[in-house]
């Protein structure tokens, strides 16, 4: 079951903070960007965050899952927990680099 548009808009609403939030459809699912940094992966109406040491303590006890076949295990973020969501997003936005620009071949 693919993520529906109402859910991705709900996730973006929950993610609002001191950053610009946008989403992009990718392979039928969505990536949520904060300040143009890829932060959240939303698949099958479930929000995934990459397992990184900086949020290990915050995500202690959180469910884990694999967002799509061939992916590494991610934490599942409960976006309805507004305090946790804001804390996790603040850390991830700070540590995530901007994606490198792709050079177009002529």
C-alpha atoms as a PDB file:
ATOM      1  CA  UNK A   1       0.000   0.000   0.000  1.00  0.00           C
ATOM      2  CA  UNK A   2       1.544   3.293  -1.058  1.00  0.00           C
ATOM      3  CA  UNK A   3       1.545   6.395   1.108  1.00  0.00           C
ATOM      4  CA  UNK A   4      -1.475   8.591   0.493  1.00  0.00           C
ATOM      5  CA  UNK A   5      -1.249  12.341  -0.031  1.00  0.00           C
ATOM      6  CA  UNK A   6      -3.195  13.143   3.158  1.00  0.00           C
ATOM      7  CA  UNK A   7      -0.661  11.253   5.242  1.00  0.00           C
ATOM      8  CA  UNK A   8       2.402  12.890   3.690  1.00  0.00           C
ATOM      9  CA  UNK A   9       0.852  16.316   4.228  1.00  0.00           C
ATOM     10  CA  UNK A  10       0.129  15.362   7.873  1.00  0.00           C
ATOM     11  CA  UNK A  11       3.771  14.308   8.314  1.00  0.00           C
ATOM     12  CA  UNK A  12       4.976  17.621   6.857  1.00  0.00           C
ATOM     13  CA  UNK A  13       2.641  19.531   9.162  1.00  0.00           C
ATOM     14  CA  UNK A  14       4.083  17.654  12.159  1.00  0.00           C
ATOM     15  CA  UNK A  15       7.629  18.390  10.923  1.00  0.00           C
ATOM     16  CA  UNK A  16       7.179  22.157  10.763  1.00  0.00           C
ATOM     17  CA  UNK A  17       9.743  24.060  12.782  1.00  0.00           C
ATOM     18  CA  UNK A  18      12.672  26.376  12.197  1.00  0.00           C
ATOM     19  CA  UNK A  19      13.261  24.920   8.745  1.00  0.00           C
ATOM     20  CA  UNK A  20      11.698  24.751   5.316  1.00  0.00           C
ATOM     21  CA  UNK A  21       9.767  21.494   4.860  1.00  0.00           C
ATOM     22  CA  UNK A  22       9.019  19.969   1.461  1.00  0.00           C
ATOM     23  CA  UNK A  23       8.433  16.515   0.078  1.00  0.00           C
ATOM     24  CA  UNK A  24       9.167  14.761  -3.168  1.00  0.00           C
ATOM     25  CA  UNK A  25       7.603  11.641  -4.595  1.00  0.00           C
ATOM     26  CA  UNK A  26      10.165   8.936  -5.234  1.00  0.00           C
ATOM     27  CA  UNK A  27       9.335   5.498  -6.622  1.00  0.00           C
ATOM     28  CA  UNK A  28       5.728   5.784  -5.452  1.00  0.00           C
ATOM     29  CA  UNK A  29       6.732   6.808  -1.924  1.00  0.00           C
ATOM     30  CA  UNK A  30       8.057  10.057  -0.441  1.00  0.00           C
ATOM     31  CA  UNK A  31      11.188  11.743   0.876  1.00  0.00           C
ATOM     32  CA  UNK A  32      10.696  14.665   3.268  1.00  0.00           C
ATOM     33  CA  UNK A  33      13.366  17.367   3.153  1.00  0.00           C
ATOM     34  CA  UNK A  34      14.229  19.906   5.845  1.00  0.00           C
ATOM     35  CA  UNK A  35      16.202  22.842   4.434  1.00  0.00           C
ATOM     36  CA  UNK A  36      16.786  20.735   1.300  1.00  0.00           C
ATOM     37  CA  UNK A  37      18.324  17.896   3.343  1.00  0.00           C
ATOM     38  CA  UNK A  38      16.747  14.424   2.951  1.00  0.00           C
ATOM     39  CA  UNK A  39      15.560  13.567   6.477  1.00  0.00           C
ATOM     40  CA  UNK A  40      12.432  11.386   6.500  1.00  0.00           C
ATOM     41  CA  UNK A  41      11.471   8.483   4.300  1.00  0.00           C
ATOM     42  CA  UNK A  42       7.721   7.843   4.206  1.00  0.00           C
ATOM     43  CA  UNK A  43       6.653   4.452   2.867  1.00  0.00           C
ATOM     44  CA  UNK A  44       3.279   2.741   3.272  1.00  0.00           C
ATOM     45  CA  UNK A  45       2.078   5.515   5.616  1.00  0.00           C
ATOM     46  CA  UNK A  46       5.030   4.859   7.937  1.00  0.00           C
ATOM     47  CA  UNK A  47       7.781   7.379   8.750  1.00  0.00           C
ATOM     48  CA  UNK A  48      11.342   6.070   8.753  1.00  0.00           C
ATOM     49  CA  UNK A  49      14.541   7.737   9.931  1.00  0.00           C
ATOM     50  CA  UNK A  50      18.039   6.511   9.283  1.00  0.00           C
ATOM     51  CA  UNK A  51      19.743   4.754  12.194  1.00  0.00           C
ATOM     52  CA  UNK A  52      22.546   7.084  13.263  1.00  0.00           C
ATOM     53  CA  UNK A  53      24.399   7.250  16.580  1.00  0.00           C
ATOM     54  CA  UNK A  54      23.282  10.816  17.263  1.00  0.00           C
ATOM     55  CA  UNK A  55      19.617   9.788  17.722  1.00  0.00           C
ATOM     56  CA  UNK A  56      20.146   6.331  19.225  1.00  0.00           C
ATOM     57  CA  UNK A  57      19.248   7.492  22.745  1.00  0.00           C
ATOM     58  CA  UNK A  58      16.197   9.466  21.572  1.00  0.00           C
ATOM     59  CA  UNK A  59      14.905   6.477  19.596  1.00  0.00           C
ATOM     60  CA  UNK A  60      15.575   3.924  22.331  1.00  0.00           C
ATOM     61  CA  UNK A  61      12.639   1.525  22.405  1.00  0.00           C
ATOM     62  CA  UNK A  62      11.322   2.647  19.006  1.00  0.00           C
ATOM     63  CA  UNK A  63      10.186   0.082  16.492  1.00  0.00           C
ATOM     64  CA  UNK A  64      12.473  -0.596  13.569  1.00  0.00           C
ATOM     65  CA  UNK A  65      11.645  -1.643  10.055  1.00  0.00           C
ATOM     66  CA  UNK A  66      12.823  -1.834   6.492  1.00  0.00           C
ATOM     67  CA  UNK A  67      11.143   0.798   4.301  1.00  0.00           C
ATOM     68  CA  UNK A  68      11.584  -1.095   1.023  1.00  0.00           C
ATOM     69  CA  UNK A  69      13.294  -4.221  -0.285  1.00  0.00           C
ATOM     70  CA  UNK A  70      17.066  -3.967  -0.185  1.00  0.00           C
ATOM     71  CA  UNK A  71      17.124  -1.060   2.297  1.00  0.00           C
ATOM     72  CA  UNK A  72      18.911  -1.073   5.632  1.00  0.00           C
ATOM     73  CA  UNK A  73      16.898  -1.165   8.833  1.00  0.00           C
ATOM     74  CA  UNK A  74      15.574   2.258   9.918  1.00  0.00           C
ATOM     75  CA  UNK A  75      13.887   3.571  13.041  1.00  0.00           C
ATOM     76  CA  UNK A  76      10.137   4.094  12.757  1.00  0.00           C
ATOM     77  CA  UNK A  77       9.299   7.598  13.981  1.00  0.00           C
ATOM     78  CA  UNK A  78       5.999   8.209  15.764  1.00  0.00           C
ATOM     79  CA  UNK A  79       5.222  11.608  14.223  1.00  0.00           C
ATOM     80  CA  UNK A  80       2.213  11.990  16.507  1.00  0.00           C
ATOM     81  CA  UNK A  81       4.696  12.328  19.398  1.00  0.00           C
ATOM     82  CA  UNK A  82       5.384  15.990  18.695  1.00  0.00           C
ATOM     83  CA  UNK A  83       8.158  16.436  21.290  1.00  0.00           C
ATOM     84  CA  UNK A  84      10.125  13.403  20.090  1.00  0.00           C
ATOM     85  CA  UNK A  85       9.600  14.350  16.443  1.00  0.00           C
ATOM     86  CA  UNK A  86      10.945  17.876  16.964  1.00  0.00           C
ATOM     87  CA  UNK A  87      13.991  16.582  18.908  1.00  0.00           C
ATOM     88  CA  UNK A  88      14.839  13.931  16.313  1.00  0.00           C
ATOM     89  CA  UNK A  89      14.361  16.327  13.393  1.00  0.00           C
ATOM     90  CA  UNK A  90      16.536  19.000  15.020  1.00  0.00           C
ATOM     91  CA  UNK A  91      19.407  16.525  15.405  1.00  0.00           C
ATOM     92  CA  UNK A  92      19.013  15.052  11.929  1.00  0.00           C
ATOM     93  CA  UNK A  93      18.760  18.454  10.246  1.00  0.00           C
ATOM     94  CA  UNK A  94      21.968  19.532  11.997  1.00  0.00           C
ATOM     95  CA  UNK A  95      24.024  16.429  11.080  1.00  0.00           C
ATOM     96  CA  UNK A  96      22.695  15.684   7.585  1.00  0.00           C
ATOM     97  CA  UNK A  97      24.718  17.227   4.763  1.00  0.00           C
ATOM     98  CA  UNK A  98      23.115  18.812   1.737  1.00  0.00           C
ATOM     99  CA  UNK A  99      23.050  16.416  -1.207  1.00  0.00           C
ATOM    100  CA  UNK A 100      25.792  16.980  -3.749  1.00  0.00           C
ATOM    101  CA  UNK A 101      24.678  18.604  -6.975  1.00  0.00           C
ATOM    102  CA  UNK A 102      24.739  16.271  -9.942  1.00  0.00           C
ATOM    103  CA  UNK A 103      26.653  17.547 -12.936  1.00  0.00           C
ATOM    104  CA  UNK A 104      24.705  17.119 -16.143  1.00  0.00           C
ATOM    105  CA  UNK A 105      26.600  15.441 -18.954  1.00  0.00           C
ATOM    106  CA  UNK A 106      26.378  17.137 -22.321  1.00  0.00           C
END
